N, C-alpha and C. Protein backbone atom coordinates (compact mmCIF):
# COMPACT_ATOMS: atom_id res chain seq x y z
N MET A 1 -3.48 -6.54 10.15
CA MET A 1 -2.79 -5.93 9.05
C MET A 1 -3.78 -5.17 8.17
N GLN A 2 -4.24 -4.10 8.76
CA GLN A 2 -5.25 -3.27 8.12
C GLN A 2 -4.74 -2.62 6.84
N LYS A 3 -3.48 -2.21 6.84
CA LYS A 3 -2.95 -1.49 5.68
C LYS A 3 -2.86 -2.37 4.44
N LEU A 4 -2.58 -3.64 4.62
CA LEU A 4 -2.48 -4.53 3.47
C LEU A 4 -3.83 -4.63 2.76
N ALA A 5 -4.90 -4.74 3.52
CA ALA A 5 -6.24 -4.78 2.93
C ALA A 5 -6.58 -3.45 2.27
N SER A 6 -6.19 -2.36 2.90
CA SER A 6 -6.45 -1.03 2.34
C SER A 6 -5.68 -0.82 1.03
N LEU A 7 -4.44 -1.28 1.00
CA LEU A 7 -3.62 -1.16 -0.21
C LEU A 7 -4.23 -1.98 -1.34
N ARG A 8 -4.68 -3.18 -1.02
CA ARG A 8 -5.32 -4.02 -2.04
C ARG A 8 -6.54 -3.31 -2.62
N ALA A 9 -7.36 -2.71 -1.76
CA ALA A 9 -8.56 -2.01 -2.23
C ALA A 9 -8.19 -0.83 -3.13
N ALA A 10 -7.12 -0.11 -2.79
CA ALA A 10 -6.68 1.02 -3.61
C ALA A 10 -6.22 0.55 -4.99
N ILE A 11 -5.54 -0.57 -5.05
CA ILE A 11 -5.06 -1.09 -6.32
C ILE A 11 -6.23 -1.56 -7.19
N VAL A 12 -7.18 -2.25 -6.58
CA VAL A 12 -8.35 -2.71 -7.34
C VAL A 12 -9.14 -1.51 -7.86
N ALA A 13 -9.23 -0.44 -7.08
CA ALA A 13 -9.94 0.77 -7.53
C ALA A 13 -9.23 1.40 -8.72
N ALA A 14 -7.90 1.35 -8.73
CA ALA A 14 -7.14 1.96 -9.83
C ALA A 14 -7.08 1.07 -11.07
N LEU A 15 -7.22 -0.23 -10.88
CA LEU A 15 -7.12 -1.19 -11.98
C LEU A 15 -8.39 -2.04 -12.00
N PRO A 16 -9.45 -1.53 -12.61
CA PRO A 16 -10.75 -2.20 -12.56
C PRO A 16 -10.73 -3.65 -13.07
N GLU A 17 -9.78 -4.01 -13.93
CA GLU A 17 -9.75 -5.39 -14.41
C GLU A 17 -9.48 -6.37 -13.28
N LEU A 18 -8.89 -5.89 -12.17
CA LEU A 18 -8.66 -6.76 -11.02
C LEU A 18 -9.95 -7.00 -10.24
N ALA A 19 -10.89 -6.07 -10.31
CA ALA A 19 -12.18 -6.29 -9.67
C ALA A 19 -12.96 -7.39 -10.39
N VAL A 20 -12.77 -7.47 -11.70
CA VAL A 20 -13.43 -8.49 -12.50
C VAL A 20 -12.81 -9.86 -12.24
N ASP A 21 -11.50 -9.90 -12.04
CA ASP A 21 -10.77 -11.15 -11.83
C ASP A 21 -9.84 -10.99 -10.62
N PRO A 22 -10.41 -10.97 -9.39
CA PRO A 22 -9.61 -10.68 -8.19
C PRO A 22 -8.52 -11.70 -7.89
N ASP A 23 -8.61 -12.90 -8.46
CA ASP A 23 -7.58 -13.91 -8.22
C ASP A 23 -6.25 -13.56 -8.88
N ARG A 24 -6.24 -12.54 -9.72
CA ARG A 24 -4.99 -12.10 -10.36
C ARG A 24 -4.17 -11.18 -9.47
N LEU A 25 -4.72 -10.79 -8.30
CA LEU A 25 -3.98 -9.97 -7.34
C LEU A 25 -3.90 -10.73 -6.02
N LEU A 26 -2.70 -11.16 -5.70
CA LEU A 26 -2.46 -11.86 -4.43
C LEU A 26 -1.68 -10.93 -3.52
N CYS A 27 -2.10 -10.84 -2.27
CA CYS A 27 -1.43 -9.97 -1.30
C CYS A 27 -1.02 -10.82 -0.10
N THR A 28 0.26 -10.78 0.23
CA THR A 28 0.76 -11.52 1.38
C THR A 28 1.61 -10.61 2.25
N ALA A 29 1.73 -11.00 3.51
CA ALA A 29 2.62 -10.32 4.45
C ALA A 29 3.70 -11.30 4.83
N THR A 30 4.96 -10.90 4.62
CA THR A 30 6.09 -11.76 4.97
C THR A 30 7.03 -10.99 5.89
N LYS A 31 7.95 -11.71 6.48
CA LYS A 31 8.94 -11.12 7.38
C LYS A 31 8.27 -10.31 8.49
N GLY A 32 7.14 -10.78 8.96
CA GLY A 32 6.37 -10.06 9.98
C GLY A 32 7.02 -10.09 11.35
N LYS A 33 6.90 -8.98 12.04
CA LYS A 33 7.42 -8.83 13.40
C LYS A 33 6.45 -7.97 14.20
N ILE A 34 6.44 -8.17 15.49
CA ILE A 34 5.71 -7.30 16.40
C ILE A 34 6.75 -6.48 17.15
N ALA A 35 6.59 -5.17 17.12
CA ALA A 35 7.51 -4.27 17.83
C ALA A 35 6.77 -3.65 19.00
N SER A 36 7.35 -3.81 20.18
CA SER A 36 6.79 -3.23 21.40
C SER A 36 7.94 -2.73 22.24
N ARG A 37 7.74 -1.58 22.85
CA ARG A 37 8.82 -0.97 23.62
C ARG A 37 8.89 -1.48 25.07
N GLY A 38 7.89 -2.23 25.50
CA GLY A 38 7.91 -2.73 26.87
C GLY A 38 7.71 -1.64 27.91
N THR A 39 7.04 -0.57 27.54
CA THR A 39 6.77 0.52 28.47
C THR A 39 5.41 0.27 29.13
N THR A 40 4.93 1.25 29.85
CA THR A 40 3.62 1.11 30.47
C THR A 40 2.50 1.05 29.44
N SER A 41 2.76 1.54 28.25
CA SER A 41 1.79 1.44 27.16
C SER A 41 1.73 0.00 26.67
N LEU A 42 0.53 -0.45 26.38
CA LEU A 42 0.37 -1.79 25.85
C LEU A 42 0.31 -1.78 24.33
N GLY A 43 0.60 -0.64 23.72
CA GLY A 43 0.57 -0.53 22.27
C GLY A 43 1.72 -1.28 21.64
N TYR A 44 1.57 -1.57 20.38
CA TYR A 44 2.60 -2.27 19.63
C TYR A 44 2.43 -1.95 18.15
N GLU A 45 3.32 -2.48 17.36
CA GLU A 45 3.30 -2.21 15.92
C GLU A 45 3.58 -3.50 15.16
N TYR A 46 2.75 -3.76 14.16
CA TYR A 46 3.05 -4.81 13.20
C TYR A 46 4.05 -4.22 12.21
N ARG A 47 5.08 -4.95 11.89
CA ARG A 47 6.04 -4.56 10.86
C ARG A 47 6.19 -5.74 9.91
N TYR A 48 5.98 -5.50 8.62
CA TYR A 48 6.01 -6.61 7.67
C TYR A 48 6.28 -6.11 6.27
N THR A 49 6.65 -7.06 5.42
CA THR A 49 6.82 -6.77 4.01
C THR A 49 5.54 -7.17 3.30
N ALA A 50 4.90 -6.20 2.67
CA ALA A 50 3.74 -6.49 1.83
C ALA A 50 4.25 -6.94 0.48
N SER A 51 3.78 -8.08 0.05
CA SER A 51 4.16 -8.62 -1.25
C SER A 51 2.91 -8.72 -2.10
N LEU A 52 2.89 -7.97 -3.18
CA LEU A 52 1.74 -7.92 -4.08
C LEU A 52 2.10 -8.66 -5.36
N TRP A 53 1.33 -9.67 -5.68
CA TRP A 53 1.56 -10.44 -6.90
C TRP A 53 0.45 -10.12 -7.88
N LEU A 54 0.80 -9.58 -9.02
CA LEU A 54 -0.16 -9.31 -10.09
C LEU A 54 0.13 -10.31 -11.20
N LEU A 55 -0.80 -11.24 -11.39
CA LEU A 55 -0.60 -12.32 -12.34
C LEU A 55 -1.24 -11.99 -13.67
N ASP A 56 -0.57 -12.36 -14.74
CA ASP A 56 -1.06 -12.05 -16.10
C ASP A 56 -1.42 -10.57 -16.21
N PHE A 57 -0.53 -9.73 -15.73
CA PHE A 57 -0.76 -8.29 -15.67
C PHE A 57 -0.50 -7.67 -17.04
N SER A 58 -1.50 -6.98 -17.57
CA SER A 58 -1.34 -6.39 -18.90
C SER A 58 -1.59 -4.89 -18.90
N ALA A 59 -1.93 -4.32 -17.77
CA ALA A 59 -2.14 -2.87 -17.69
C ALA A 59 -0.79 -2.17 -17.67
N GLU A 60 -0.81 -0.86 -17.79
CA GLU A 60 0.42 -0.07 -17.72
C GLU A 60 0.91 -0.07 -16.27
N SER A 61 2.14 -0.52 -16.05
CA SER A 61 2.67 -0.60 -14.68
C SER A 61 2.76 0.77 -14.02
N ALA A 62 2.87 1.83 -14.79
CA ALA A 62 2.92 3.18 -14.22
C ALA A 62 1.61 3.52 -13.50
N VAL A 63 0.49 3.00 -13.97
CA VAL A 63 -0.79 3.24 -13.29
C VAL A 63 -0.76 2.55 -11.92
N LEU A 64 -0.28 1.32 -11.90
CA LEU A 64 -0.16 0.59 -10.63
C LEU A 64 0.74 1.33 -9.66
N MET A 65 1.92 1.73 -10.11
CA MET A 65 2.87 2.41 -9.22
C MET A 65 2.31 3.74 -8.74
N SER A 66 1.60 4.46 -9.60
CA SER A 66 0.97 5.72 -9.18
C SER A 66 -0.07 5.47 -8.10
N ALA A 67 -0.85 4.41 -8.27
CA ALA A 67 -1.86 4.07 -7.25
C ALA A 67 -1.20 3.73 -5.92
N ILE A 68 -0.10 3.00 -5.95
CA ILE A 68 0.61 2.65 -4.72
C ILE A 68 1.16 3.90 -4.05
N LEU A 69 1.75 4.81 -4.82
CA LEU A 69 2.31 6.03 -4.24
C LEU A 69 1.22 6.94 -3.68
N LEU A 70 0.10 7.04 -4.36
CA LEU A 70 -1.01 7.84 -3.84
C LEU A 70 -1.55 7.23 -2.55
N TRP A 71 -1.62 5.91 -2.49
CA TRP A 71 -2.04 5.24 -1.27
C TRP A 71 -1.04 5.52 -0.14
N ALA A 72 0.24 5.44 -0.44
CA ALA A 72 1.28 5.66 0.57
C ALA A 72 1.22 7.07 1.15
N ARG A 73 0.84 8.03 0.34
CA ARG A 73 0.73 9.42 0.80
C ARG A 73 -0.15 9.52 2.04
N ASP A 74 -1.20 8.72 2.10
CA ASP A 74 -2.14 8.79 3.23
C ASP A 74 -1.94 7.68 4.24
N ASN A 75 -1.27 6.62 3.88
CA ASN A 75 -1.25 5.44 4.74
C ASN A 75 0.12 4.97 5.20
N GLN A 76 1.18 5.35 4.50
CA GLN A 76 2.53 4.95 4.91
C GLN A 76 3.51 5.98 4.37
N ARG A 77 3.41 7.20 4.90
CA ARG A 77 4.15 8.34 4.35
C ARG A 77 5.65 8.18 4.40
N ASP A 78 6.15 7.41 5.35
CA ASP A 78 7.60 7.26 5.44
C ASP A 78 8.18 6.61 4.19
N LEU A 79 7.36 5.94 3.38
CA LEU A 79 7.85 5.38 2.11
C LEU A 79 8.22 6.48 1.11
N LEU A 80 7.75 7.69 1.36
CA LEU A 80 7.97 8.80 0.44
C LEU A 80 8.97 9.82 0.96
N GLU A 81 9.61 9.53 2.09
CA GLU A 81 10.47 10.51 2.74
C GLU A 81 11.95 10.13 2.73
N GLY A 82 12.79 11.14 2.56
CA GLY A 82 14.22 11.00 2.73
C GLY A 82 14.84 9.88 1.91
N ASP A 83 15.90 9.30 2.45
CA ASP A 83 16.61 8.23 1.75
C ASP A 83 15.75 6.99 1.58
N ARG A 84 14.81 6.79 2.48
CA ARG A 84 13.92 5.62 2.39
C ARG A 84 13.14 5.62 1.07
N ALA A 85 12.78 6.80 0.61
CA ALA A 85 12.00 6.90 -0.63
C ALA A 85 12.77 6.40 -1.84
N LEU A 86 14.08 6.36 -1.75
CA LEU A 86 14.90 5.94 -2.88
C LEU A 86 14.85 4.44 -3.12
N GLN A 87 14.45 3.68 -2.10
CA GLN A 87 14.41 2.23 -2.27
C GLN A 87 13.26 1.59 -1.51
N ALA A 88 12.20 2.32 -1.29
CA ALA A 88 11.10 1.85 -0.47
C ALA A 88 10.21 0.82 -1.16
N ILE A 89 10.15 0.87 -2.46
CA ILE A 89 9.28 -0.03 -3.20
C ILE A 89 10.14 -0.81 -4.19
N ALA A 90 10.13 -2.12 -4.03
CA ALA A 90 10.91 -2.99 -4.91
C ALA A 90 9.96 -3.80 -5.78
N PHE A 91 10.45 -4.25 -6.92
CA PHE A 91 9.60 -5.09 -7.77
C PHE A 91 10.45 -6.05 -8.58
N GLU A 92 9.79 -7.11 -9.02
CA GLU A 92 10.37 -8.07 -9.95
C GLU A 92 9.29 -8.41 -10.96
N ALA A 93 9.68 -8.63 -12.19
CA ALA A 93 8.71 -8.95 -13.24
C ALA A 93 9.21 -10.13 -14.06
N GLU A 94 8.27 -10.97 -14.42
CA GLU A 94 8.56 -12.06 -15.34
C GLU A 94 7.72 -11.82 -16.59
N VAL A 95 8.39 -11.65 -17.71
CA VAL A 95 7.69 -11.41 -18.97
C VAL A 95 7.10 -12.73 -19.45
N LEU A 96 5.78 -12.73 -19.65
CA LEU A 96 5.08 -13.93 -20.11
C LEU A 96 4.93 -13.96 -21.63
N ASP A 97 4.63 -12.80 -22.19
CA ASP A 97 4.57 -12.64 -23.64
C ASP A 97 4.69 -11.15 -23.92
N ASP A 98 4.41 -10.72 -25.15
CA ASP A 98 4.62 -9.31 -25.49
C ASP A 98 3.60 -8.37 -24.85
N LYS A 99 2.57 -8.90 -24.15
CA LYS A 99 1.56 -8.04 -23.54
C LYS A 99 1.36 -8.27 -22.05
N THR A 100 1.86 -9.37 -21.50
CA THR A 100 1.58 -9.67 -20.10
C THR A 100 2.84 -10.05 -19.33
N ILE A 101 2.78 -9.74 -18.04
CA ILE A 101 3.85 -10.08 -17.12
C ILE A 101 3.23 -10.59 -15.82
N ASP A 102 4.02 -11.31 -15.06
CA ASP A 102 3.72 -11.56 -13.66
C ASP A 102 4.59 -10.58 -12.90
N LEU A 103 3.99 -9.79 -12.05
CA LEU A 103 4.70 -8.70 -11.38
C LEU A 103 4.58 -8.88 -9.87
N ASN A 104 5.70 -8.77 -9.18
CA ASN A 104 5.72 -8.81 -7.73
C ASN A 104 6.26 -7.48 -7.22
N VAL A 105 5.46 -6.80 -6.40
CA VAL A 105 5.85 -5.51 -5.81
C VAL A 105 5.94 -5.73 -4.30
N GLN A 106 7.03 -5.22 -3.70
CA GLN A 106 7.22 -5.37 -2.26
C GLN A 106 7.47 -4.02 -1.62
N LEU A 107 6.83 -3.81 -0.47
CA LEU A 107 7.05 -2.59 0.29
C LEU A 107 6.88 -2.89 1.78
N GLU A 108 7.62 -2.14 2.58
CA GLU A 108 7.60 -2.33 4.02
C GLU A 108 6.45 -1.53 4.62
N LEU A 109 5.59 -2.21 5.38
CA LEU A 109 4.44 -1.55 6.00
C LEU A 109 4.47 -1.74 7.51
N THR A 110 3.80 -0.83 8.18
CA THR A 110 3.60 -0.93 9.62
C THR A 110 2.13 -0.63 9.93
N ASP A 111 1.62 -1.30 10.94
CA ASP A 111 0.29 -1.03 11.47
C ASP A 111 0.46 -0.80 12.96
N ALA A 112 0.19 0.42 13.42
CA ALA A 112 0.31 0.74 14.84
C ALA A 112 -1.01 0.41 15.54
N VAL A 113 -0.87 -0.20 16.71
CA VAL A 113 -2.04 -0.63 17.48
C VAL A 113 -1.93 -0.06 18.89
N ALA A 114 -3.02 0.55 19.36
CA ALA A 114 -3.10 1.03 20.73
C ALA A 114 -3.99 0.07 21.52
N LEU A 115 -3.58 -0.25 22.69
CA LEU A 115 -4.35 -1.10 23.58
C LEU A 115 -4.43 -0.37 24.91
N ALA A 116 -5.61 0.14 25.23
CA ALA A 116 -5.76 0.99 26.41
C ALA A 116 -6.84 0.42 27.34
N PRO A 117 -6.60 0.52 28.64
CA PRO A 117 -7.61 0.05 29.60
C PRO A 117 -8.94 0.80 29.42
N ARG A 118 -10.03 0.08 29.59
CA ARG A 118 -11.37 0.68 29.53
C ARG A 118 -11.86 0.95 30.94
N ALA A 119 -12.66 1.99 31.09
CA ALA A 119 -13.18 2.37 32.40
C ALA A 119 -13.98 1.23 33.03
N GLY A 120 -14.75 0.50 32.25
CA GLY A 120 -15.58 -0.58 32.77
C GLY A 120 -14.88 -1.92 32.85
N GLY A 121 -13.59 -1.95 32.56
CA GLY A 121 -12.83 -3.19 32.58
C GLY A 121 -12.42 -3.61 31.18
N GLY A 122 -11.44 -4.41 31.10
CA GLY A 122 -10.93 -4.86 29.81
C GLY A 122 -10.08 -3.81 29.14
N HIS A 123 -9.83 -4.01 27.87
CA HIS A 123 -9.00 -3.10 27.09
C HIS A 123 -9.65 -2.81 25.75
N ALA A 124 -9.43 -1.62 25.27
CA ALA A 124 -9.91 -1.21 23.94
C ALA A 124 -8.75 -1.30 22.96
N LEU A 125 -8.99 -1.97 21.84
CA LEU A 125 -7.99 -2.13 20.79
C LEU A 125 -8.32 -1.16 19.66
N THR A 126 -7.33 -0.37 19.23
CA THR A 126 -7.53 0.61 18.17
C THR A 126 -6.34 0.60 17.23
N PHE A 127 -6.63 0.49 15.93
CA PHE A 127 -5.57 0.68 14.93
C PHE A 127 -5.42 2.18 14.73
N LEU A 128 -4.20 2.66 14.83
CA LEU A 128 -3.94 4.10 14.78
C LEU A 128 -3.73 4.58 13.35
N PRO A 129 -4.24 5.77 13.04
CA PRO A 129 -4.00 6.33 11.70
C PRO A 129 -2.55 6.77 11.57
N GLU A 130 -2.15 7.00 10.35
CA GLU A 130 -0.80 7.50 10.06
C GLU A 130 -0.64 8.87 10.70
N PRO A 131 0.46 9.11 11.43
CA PRO A 131 0.65 10.42 12.03
C PRO A 131 0.90 11.49 10.96
N PRO A 132 0.46 12.72 11.22
CA PRO A 132 0.71 13.79 10.24
C PRO A 132 2.20 14.08 10.13
N ARG A 133 2.62 14.44 8.93
CA ARG A 133 4.02 14.78 8.70
C ARG A 133 4.07 16.09 7.91
N ALA A 134 5.03 16.90 8.25
CA ALA A 134 5.19 18.20 7.59
C ALA A 134 5.47 18.00 6.11
N GLY A 135 4.91 18.88 5.29
CA GLY A 135 5.18 18.87 3.87
C GLY A 135 4.12 18.18 3.04
N PHE A 136 3.34 17.30 3.65
CA PHE A 136 2.36 16.55 2.88
C PHE A 136 1.05 17.30 2.73
N GLU A 137 0.89 18.39 3.44
CA GLU A 137 -0.33 19.16 3.28
C GLU A 137 -0.40 19.84 1.91
N LEU A 138 0.71 19.87 1.20
CA LEU A 138 0.73 20.47 -0.12
C LEU A 138 0.23 19.52 -1.20
N LEU A 139 0.18 18.24 -0.89
CA LEU A 139 -0.25 17.26 -1.88
C LEU A 139 -1.76 17.32 -2.07
N SER A 140 -2.18 17.06 -3.26
CA SER A 140 -3.60 17.03 -3.57
C SER A 140 -4.24 15.80 -2.97
N ASP A 141 -5.49 15.94 -2.53
CA ASP A 141 -6.24 14.80 -2.05
C ASP A 141 -7.04 14.15 -3.16
N ALA A 142 -6.80 14.57 -4.38
CA ALA A 142 -7.57 14.05 -5.51
C ALA A 142 -7.29 12.56 -5.69
N PRO A 143 -8.32 11.75 -5.90
CA PRO A 143 -8.10 10.33 -6.17
C PRO A 143 -7.48 10.16 -7.55
N LEU A 144 -7.05 8.95 -7.81
CA LEU A 144 -6.48 8.65 -9.12
C LEU A 144 -7.58 8.84 -10.16
N GLY A 145 -7.43 9.83 -11.00
CA GLY A 145 -8.44 10.13 -12.02
C GLY A 145 -7.96 9.67 -13.36
N GLU A 146 -7.62 10.58 -14.22
CA GLU A 146 -7.07 10.22 -15.52
C GLU A 146 -5.56 10.34 -15.46
N ILE A 147 -4.88 9.43 -16.15
CA ILE A 147 -3.43 9.48 -16.30
C ILE A 147 -3.13 9.46 -17.79
N TRP A 148 -2.34 10.45 -18.20
CA TRP A 148 -1.96 10.59 -19.61
C TRP A 148 -0.45 10.45 -19.74
N PHE A 149 -0.02 9.87 -20.84
CA PHE A 149 1.40 9.77 -21.14
C PHE A 149 1.59 9.98 -22.63
N GLY A 150 2.33 11.03 -22.98
CA GLY A 150 2.61 11.30 -24.38
C GLY A 150 1.36 11.45 -25.24
N GLY A 151 0.33 12.06 -24.69
CA GLY A 151 -0.89 12.27 -25.44
C GLY A 151 -1.83 11.07 -25.46
N THR A 152 -1.45 9.98 -24.78
CA THR A 152 -2.29 8.79 -24.72
C THR A 152 -2.83 8.62 -23.31
N ARG A 153 -4.13 8.41 -23.22
CA ARG A 153 -4.72 8.19 -21.90
C ARG A 153 -4.46 6.74 -21.48
N LEU A 154 -3.76 6.60 -20.33
CA LEU A 154 -3.46 5.28 -19.81
C LEU A 154 -4.55 4.79 -18.86
N PHE A 155 -5.14 5.74 -18.12
CA PHE A 155 -6.14 5.38 -17.12
C PHE A 155 -7.20 6.45 -17.08
N PRO A 156 -8.46 6.11 -17.01
CA PRO A 156 -8.94 4.76 -17.23
C PRO A 156 -8.82 4.39 -18.69
N PRO A 157 -8.74 3.09 -18.96
CA PRO A 157 -8.58 2.69 -20.37
C PRO A 157 -9.71 3.20 -21.22
N ALA A 158 -9.38 3.53 -22.42
CA ALA A 158 -10.41 4.07 -23.36
C ALA A 158 -11.39 2.99 -23.76
């Protein structure tokens, strides 16, 4: 489940307070399945729900969601397409006090795996990158830099 680790790294990069206290970000994979077509190809796909738990979260949730969407642009583009984009990312929040919440974000991820015979014997295992999709070449490759809302800088914190 390469994408889950990659998503975690993207969130920590966008929310530096999680790097200081990494136990406040829990990442799990639930409802996991292996999908294989049973063809001559030995490739398969992990399909699972990524569940991200942000404990005692006090940052602006819009920064988190922006980081997730920017990550999805390169790693799970189908979350941003068509009708799927309307309900691809779910969340639940428990208000702890006037500044902090426990937040659970869920999204459906896939990791495609190729397994191909090697010339010298055995098989080579490769996690496949996200396939290119039309329309995404217009998006900026800029990392999450500054985020402003109503004249206030939300990220990085002042």
